[in-house]
Amino acid sequence: MRFPQVVNLTWFTLATGCLLVTPAVAQEPPATVSVPPAVVFAPAVIPNYVLGPDDMIAIKVLDSDEVSGASIRVDPSGNISLPLVGRLKAGGLTAEQLEKDLSTRLKTYVRDPVVAITVVEYRSQPVSVIGSVGQPGVVQLEGRKTLIEVLAKAGGLRSDAANTIKITRRADSGVIPLASAVNDPSGQFSVAEVSLNGIMQATHPEENILVLPNDVITVPRAALVYVVGEVKKQGGFILQERASISGLQALAMAEGFTVGAAPQSALIIRQTPDKGRVQIPTNLKEILQGKRGDVQLLPEDILFVPGNAAKNTLARIAQTAIQAATSATIYRGFY
């Protein structure tokens, strides 16, 4: 009789929905966005995990207390050391293959040895996920995982994440199976870009590729434009896949003007490579009236809507009057 092999898999129940995120206000901390289930283009049966350095395994042998016992860490050379059998190669083998090898060696000491090996810690298949994700750092694959599954393990995308993700793979692991893949100048890495919209909208589901150990997944921050001043919702707004947005689109994202706004005196503040930060007068009032064409905001532009000094003064007088009347009413109520 043989112990059944225990396979320790971690499954993620991902929230169904669109990975595209809503614009974030600059003053609010970025939130974590859950990602939908991955489209897996691998065989239905997941192959057994291949052991490697720093993995930890638990070994149990029927009728052999000498070998059964505490968990054992695979050393940097991929070996383990056990009583009776001594040094044994574990790296590059599945748990099932190691069970067979250990059973063969134990036959000298144990009649019909029954061996069960369980992976306790997965540490030999690291993937680095950096950038705008919930928990940037090193993720262990623990078997075959697609790009979306790895992003989910890293805490999902933040609200300021860009749509385009970069994957970097060591040359000895092969070329990334994507049309966008190119070799870096050193020839040591394959680099490719993936459009998340293409995966989510099923226009390019094949881009949800399997991630390999030592891959680096980079999620850049999305380009933003900023709207400040006399608008109802100040902040930064994500361009997503667009190279620019119009002034009226940015104004709509900011939910329009406040009462004291002076749209005819608006400014676009733009950083230029030669002249530094420049101010571009923009008459939003005439644009809204159709008297002139709309303007385009580029990444990192700031649309500033100043206040109308006269209206602001009247508003402050009115507010003062209201406060005074309220105070007088409260005062009379006590006496």
Protein backbone atom coordinates (compact mmCIF):
# COMPACT_ATOMS: atom_id res chain seq x y z
CA MET A 1 0.00 0.00 0.00
CA ARG A 2 1.22 3.50 -0.80
CA PHE A 3 0.54 6.80 0.89
CA PRO A 4 -1.24 9.20 -1.44
CA GLN A 5 0.92 12.09 -2.47
CA VAL A 6 -0.23 15.37 -0.97
CA VAL A 7 -0.07 18.25 -3.36
CA ASN A 8 -0.14 21.64 -1.67
CA LEU A 9 -1.73 24.05 -4.14
CA THR A 10 -2.92 27.55 -3.33
CA TRP A 11 -5.94 28.63 -5.31
CA PHE A 12 -7.18 32.17 -5.49
CA THR A 13 -10.84 33.12 -5.79
CA LEU A 14 -10.62 36.33 -7.77
CA ALA A 15 -13.37 38.90 -7.91
CA THR A 16 -15.19 38.92 -11.23
CA GLY A 17 -15.13 42.24 -12.95
CA CYS A 18 -13.08 44.57 -15.08
CA LEU A 19 -9.44 45.11 -14.30
CA LEU A 20 -9.62 48.64 -15.70
CA VAL A 21 -9.67 51.03 -12.80
CA THR A 22 -11.53 54.21 -12.09
CA PRO A 23 -9.61 57.47 -11.88
CA ALA A 24 -8.06 58.15 -8.49
CA VAL A 25 -8.04 61.49 -6.75
CA ALA A 26 -4.47 62.52 -6.08
CA GLN A 27 -5.06 63.18 -2.39
CA GLU A 28 -6.48 59.71 -1.71
CA PRO A 29 -4.18 56.71 -1.11
CA PRO A 30 -4.23 54.25 -4.00
CA ALA A 31 -6.53 51.33 -3.50
CA THR A 32 -6.05 47.73 -4.43
CA VAL A 33 -7.99 46.41 -7.39
CA SER A 34 -8.85 42.74 -7.61
CA VAL A 35 -8.35 40.90 -10.87
CA PRO A 36 -10.67 38.44 -12.62
CA PRO A 37 -9.95 34.74 -13.10
CA ALA A 38 -7.10 33.98 -15.47
CA VAL A 39 -7.57 32.30 -18.81
CA VAL A 40 -5.32 29.26 -18.65
CA PHE A 41 -3.93 27.85 -21.87
CA ALA A 42 -2.09 25.00 -20.15
CA PRO A 43 -3.15 21.34 -20.09
CA ALA A 44 -5.99 20.58 -17.73
CA VAL A 45 -3.79 18.39 -15.51
CA ILE A 46 -1.15 20.47 -13.70
CA PRO A 47 2.23 18.69 -13.62
CA ASN A 48 3.81 17.95 -10.26
CA TYR A 49 5.95 20.64 -8.74
CA VAL A 50 9.67 20.31 -9.51
CA LEU A 51 11.79 20.60 -6.37
CA GLY A 52 14.65 23.06 -6.17
CA PRO A 53 17.05 24.76 -3.74
CA ASP A 54 15.48 26.18 -0.56
CA ASP A 55 12.26 24.17 -0.90
CA MET A 56 11.25 22.34 2.27
CA ILE A 57 9.80 18.84 2.20
CA ALA A 58 8.38 16.44 4.78
CA ILE A 59 9.23 12.74 4.44
CA LYS A 60 7.31 9.87 6.00
CA VAL A 61 8.34 6.22 5.63
CA LEU A 62 6.19 3.41 6.96
CA ASP A 63 8.06 1.29 9.56
CA SER A 64 11.15 3.51 9.46
CA ASP A 65 11.37 6.09 12.23
CA GLU A 66 15.01 6.79 11.30
CA VAL A 67 14.03 8.47 8.02
CA SER A 68 10.60 9.81 8.97
CA GLY A 69 10.66 13.00 10.96
CA ALA A 70 10.97 16.74 10.74
CA SER A 71 10.85 18.80 7.57
CA ILE A 72 14.04 18.93 5.47
CA ARG A 73 15.30 21.91 3.46
CA VAL A 74 16.79 21.29 -0.01
CA ASP A 75 20.30 22.73 0.05
CA PRO A 76 21.71 25.18 -2.57
CA SER A 77 23.11 22.23 -4.55
CA GLY A 78 19.68 20.62 -4.72
CA ASN A 79 20.52 17.81 -2.28
CA ILE A 80 19.11 16.49 0.99
CA SER A 81 20.77 14.30 3.62
CA LEU A 82 18.91 11.46 5.34
CA PRO A 83 19.82 8.72 7.84
CA LEU A 84 20.58 5.33 6.29
CA VAL A 85 20.72 6.57 2.69
CA GLY A 86 22.96 9.62 3.16
CA ARG A 87 23.11 12.38 0.56
CA LEU A 88 20.32 12.31 -2.01
CA LYS A 89 19.60 14.46 -5.08
CA ALA A 90 16.20 16.19 -4.81
CA GLY A 91 16.54 19.24 -7.06
CA GLY A 92 15.06 18.75 -10.52
CA LEU A 93 12.78 15.93 -9.36
CA THR A 94 9.09 15.95 -8.55
CA ALA A 95 7.97 14.69 -5.15
CA GLU A 96 6.79 11.47 -6.82
CA GLN A 97 10.15 10.90 -8.50
CA LEU A 98 11.96 11.50 -5.22
CA GLU A 99 9.62 9.02 -3.50
CA LYS A 100 10.58 6.31 -6.02
CA ASP A 101 14.29 7.06 -5.69
CA LEU A 102 14.15 7.00 -1.89
CA SER A 103 12.09 3.78 -1.91
CA THR A 104 14.72 2.08 -4.07
CA ARG A 105 17.54 3.10 -1.72
CA LEU A 106 15.64 2.07 1.41
CA LYS A 107 15.05 -1.50 0.19
CA THR A 108 18.42 -2.43 1.67
CA TYR A 109 17.14 -1.51 5.14
CA VAL A 110 13.35 -1.74 4.94
CA ARG A 111 11.24 -4.46 3.38
CA ASP A 112 8.81 -2.99 0.83
CA PRO A 113 9.29 0.64 1.96
CA VAL A 114 6.30 2.94 1.57
CA VAL A 115 7.35 6.57 1.17
CA ALA A 116 5.24 9.76 1.16
CA ILE A 117 6.78 13.18 0.46
CA THR A 118 4.96 16.49 0.88
CA VAL A 119 6.18 19.94 -0.13
CA VAL A 120 5.93 22.10 2.99
CA GLU A 121 7.42 25.35 1.63
CA TYR A 122 7.78 26.48 -1.97
CA ARG A 123 10.93 28.62 -2.22
CA SER A 124 12.70 27.67 -5.44
CA GLN A 125 10.48 29.34 -8.06
CA PRO A 126 10.62 33.07 -7.31
CA VAL A 127 9.06 35.74 -9.52
CA SER A 128 9.63 39.44 -8.85
CA VAL A 129 6.55 41.65 -9.18
CA ILE A 130 7.30 45.36 -8.88
CA GLY A 131 5.48 48.61 -9.45
CA SER A 132 1.80 49.45 -8.97
CA VAL A 133 0.57 46.27 -7.30
CA GLY A 134 -0.89 45.74 -3.86
CA GLN A 135 2.09 43.82 -2.46
CA PRO A 136 5.22 44.31 -4.57
CA GLY A 137 8.01 41.83 -3.93
CA VAL A 138 8.86 38.18 -4.58
CA VAL A 139 6.09 35.69 -5.35
CA GLN A 140 6.60 31.92 -5.35
CA LEU A 141 4.95 30.17 -8.30
CA GLU A 142 4.07 26.90 -6.51
CA GLY A 143 3.50 25.18 -9.84
CA ARG A 144 2.20 26.52 -13.15
CA LYS A 145 0.80 30.04 -12.90
CA THR A 146 -0.36 32.48 -15.56
CA LEU A 147 0.35 36.20 -15.61
CA ILE A 148 -3.05 37.10 -14.13
CA GLU A 149 -2.66 34.52 -11.35
CA VAL A 150 0.75 35.94 -10.40
CA LEU A 151 -0.62 39.49 -10.33
CA ALA A 152 -3.40 38.25 -8.04
CA LYS A 153 -0.81 36.69 -5.71
CA ALA A 154 0.94 40.08 -5.60
CA GLY A 155 -2.21 41.71 -4.25
CA GLY A 156 -3.77 42.76 -7.55
CA LEU A 157 -3.29 46.01 -9.41
CA ARG A 158 -3.43 49.38 -7.71
CA SER A 159 -5.79 52.06 -8.98
CA ASP A 160 -2.90 53.98 -10.56
CA ALA A 161 -1.56 51.00 -12.55
CA ALA A 162 -0.98 51.38 -16.27
CA ASN A 163 -2.58 49.11 -18.84
CA THR A 164 0.74 47.92 -20.31
CA ILE A 165 2.81 45.45 -18.27
CA LYS A 166 6.42 44.50 -18.99
CA ILE A 167 7.83 40.99 -18.57
CA THR A 168 11.58 40.32 -18.41
CA ARG A 169 12.90 36.74 -18.70
CA ARG A 170 16.42 35.35 -18.54
CA ALA A 171 17.71 34.09 -21.88
CA ASP A 172 18.48 30.64 -20.46
CA SER A 173 14.74 30.24 -19.78
CA GLY A 174 13.90 30.83 -23.44
CA VAL A 175 12.22 33.59 -25.40
CA ILE A 176 8.92 34.96 -24.08
CA PRO A 177 6.18 33.52 -26.35
CA LEU A 178 4.73 36.89 -27.38
CA ALA A 179 4.85 38.81 -30.65
CA SER A 180 6.24 41.85 -28.80
CA ALA A 181 9.22 39.93 -27.36
CA VAL A 182 12.69 41.32 -28.12
CA ASN A 183 16.15 40.62 -26.77
CA ASP A 184 17.78 43.32 -24.66
CA PRO A 185 21.11 44.78 -25.96
CA SER A 186 23.13 42.44 -23.74
CA GLY A 187 21.38 39.37 -25.15
CA GLN A 188 20.87 38.03 -21.63
CA PHE A 189 17.15 38.77 -21.36
CA SER A 190 13.95 38.51 -23.36
CA VAL A 191 11.61 41.47 -22.83
CA ALA A 192 7.95 41.78 -23.85
CA GLU A 193 4.95 43.99 -23.16
CA VAL A 194 1.41 42.83 -22.49
CA SER A 195 -1.84 44.79 -22.76
CA LEU A 196 -4.12 43.94 -19.85
CA ASN A 197 -7.12 45.20 -21.81
CA GLY A 198 -6.32 42.64 -24.50
CA ILE A 199 -6.56 39.84 -21.92
CA MET A 200 -9.58 41.20 -20.05
CA GLN A 201 -11.61 41.94 -23.19
CA ALA A 202 -10.58 38.62 -24.81
CA THR A 203 -9.10 40.36 -27.84
CA HIS A 204 -5.68 38.84 -27.08
CA PRO A 205 -6.25 36.05 -24.52
CA GLU A 206 -3.08 34.29 -25.66
CA GLU A 207 -1.08 37.01 -23.91
CA ASN A 208 -2.03 35.54 -20.54
CA ILE A 209 1.14 33.45 -20.71
CA LEU A 210 2.61 31.08 -18.16
CA VAL A 211 5.13 32.81 -15.91
CA LEU A 212 8.48 31.07 -15.33
CA PRO A 213 10.78 31.12 -12.29
CA ASN A 214 13.00 34.23 -12.08
CA ASP A 215 10.76 36.27 -14.40
CA VAL A 216 10.39 39.95 -13.52
CA ILE A 217 6.95 41.52 -13.95
CA THR A 218 6.90 45.32 -13.96
CA VAL A 219 3.63 47.21 -13.58
CA PRO A 220 4.32 50.91 -14.27
CA ARG A 221 2.30 53.78 -12.90
CA ALA A 222 -0.26 55.14 -15.34
CA ALA A 223 0.20 58.60 -16.83
CA LEU A 224 -1.95 61.25 -15.16
CA VAL A 225 -3.32 64.71 -15.84
CA TYR A 226 -4.26 66.99 -12.97
CA VAL A 227 -7.17 69.38 -12.53
CA VAL A 228 -6.94 71.87 -9.66
CA GLY A 229 -8.53 75.10 -8.56
CA GLU A 230 -12.21 75.99 -8.70
CA VAL A 231 -13.55 72.56 -9.69
CA LYS A 232 -15.74 70.22 -7.67
CA LYS A 233 -13.27 67.31 -7.65
CA GLN A 234 -9.60 68.22 -7.70
CA GLY A 235 -7.00 65.55 -8.33
CA GLY A 236 -5.09 63.41 -10.79
CA PHE A 237 -6.92 61.45 -13.48
CA ILE A 238 -5.60 58.42 -15.33
CA LEU A 239 -5.09 58.62 -19.09
CA GLN A 240 -5.25 54.81 -19.40
CA GLU A 241 -4.36 53.92 -23.01
CA ARG A 242 -4.86 57.44 -24.38
CA ALA A 243 -1.90 59.65 -25.25
CA SER A 244 -3.92 62.74 -24.27
CA ILE A 245 -7.39 63.91 -23.28
CA SER A 246 -9.25 67.09 -24.10
CA GLY A 247 -9.75 69.94 -21.68
CA LEU A 248 -13.49 69.27 -21.55
CA GLN A 249 -12.92 65.58 -20.80
CA ALA A 250 -10.64 66.53 -17.90
CA LEU A 251 -13.21 69.04 -16.72
CA ALA A 252 -15.91 66.35 -16.81
CA MET A 253 -13.69 64.07 -14.69
CA ALA A 254 -13.37 66.93 -12.21
CA GLU A 255 -17.20 67.18 -12.16
CA GLY A 256 -17.32 70.76 -13.46
CA PHE A 257 -16.71 74.21 -12.02
CA THR A 258 -17.55 75.57 -8.60
CA VAL A 259 -19.75 78.68 -8.28
CA GLY A 260 -16.80 81.03 -7.96
CA ALA A 261 -14.81 79.74 -10.96
CA ALA A 262 -13.35 81.95 -13.68
CA PRO A 263 -13.10 79.49 -16.62
CA GLN A 264 -12.12 82.24 -19.06
CA SER A 265 -8.82 82.60 -17.16
CA ALA A 266 -7.85 78.91 -16.98
CA LEU A 267 -4.26 77.80 -17.51
CA ILE A 268 -2.56 74.64 -18.66
CA ILE A 269 0.75 74.23 -16.83
CA ARG A 270 3.10 71.99 -18.82
CA GLN A 271 6.65 70.78 -18.28
CA THR A 272 8.70 71.12 -21.47
CA PRO A 273 12.23 69.77 -22.10
CA ASP A 274 13.64 73.07 -23.37
CA LYS A 275 11.69 75.84 -21.62
CA GLY A 276 10.87 74.08 -18.37
CA ARG A 277 7.42 74.68 -16.91
CA VAL A 278 5.27 76.92 -19.10
CA GLN A 279 1.76 78.36 -18.72
CA ILE A 280 -0.70 78.13 -21.60
CA PRO A 281 -3.77 80.45 -21.32
CA THR A 282 -6.95 78.45 -21.99
CA ASN A 283 -10.38 80.06 -22.22
CA LEU A 284 -12.60 77.20 -21.10
CA LYS A 285 -15.67 79.45 -21.18
CA GLU A 286 -15.38 80.03 -24.93
CA ILE A 287 -14.58 76.33 -25.48
CA LEU A 288 -17.79 75.40 -23.66
CA GLN A 289 -19.70 77.93 -25.77
CA GLY A 290 -18.28 76.45 -28.97
CA LYS A 291 -16.48 79.67 -29.90
CA ARG A 292 -13.10 77.95 -30.12
CA GLY A 293 -11.73 74.43 -30.40
CA ASP A 294 -10.93 72.23 -27.44
CA VAL A 295 -7.38 71.85 -26.10
CA GLN A 296 -5.43 68.65 -25.46
CA LEU A 297 -3.86 67.78 -22.12
CA LEU A 298 -0.68 65.68 -22.24
CA PRO A 299 0.61 63.34 -19.50
CA GLU A 300 1.52 65.27 -16.31
CA ASP A 301 -0.21 68.47 -17.52
CA ILE A 302 -2.00 70.55 -14.88
CA LEU A 303 -5.26 72.28 -15.75
CA PHE A 304 -5.71 75.18 -13.32
CA VAL A 305 -9.09 76.90 -13.01
CA PRO A 306 -8.74 80.13 -10.98
CA GLY A 307 -11.49 81.75 -8.95
CA ASN A 308 -13.43 84.90 -9.79
CA ALA A 309 -12.23 87.44 -7.22
CA ALA A 310 -15.48 89.46 -7.24
CA LYS A 311 -17.68 86.38 -6.91
CA ASN A 312 -15.46 84.95 -4.20
CA THR A 313 -15.70 88.23 -2.26
CA LEU A 314 -19.51 88.23 -2.51
CA ALA A 315 -19.59 84.59 -1.51
CA ARG A 316 -17.46 85.29 1.55
CA ILE A 317 -19.71 88.26 2.52
CA ALA A 318 -22.81 86.10 2.14
CA GLN A 319 -21.25 83.32 4.18
CA THR A 320 -20.28 85.80 6.91
CA ALA A 321 -23.83 87.16 6.95
CA ILE A 322 -25.28 83.67 7.27
CA GLN A 323 -22.93 82.84 10.12
CA ALA A 324 -23.77 86.11 11.88
CA ALA A 325 -27.53 85.50 11.52
CA THR A 326 -27.16 81.96 12.80
CA SER A 327 -25.13 83.13 15.79
CA ALA A 328 -27.72 85.78 16.62
CA THR A 329 -30.53 83.22 16.47
CA ILE A 330 -28.67 80.88 18.78
CA TYR A 331 -27.90 83.77 21.13
CA ARG A 332 -31.55 84.82 21.30
CA GLY A 333 -32.54 81.25 21.98
CA PHE A 334 -30.62 81.24 25.24
CA TYR A 335 -31.93 84.55 26.59
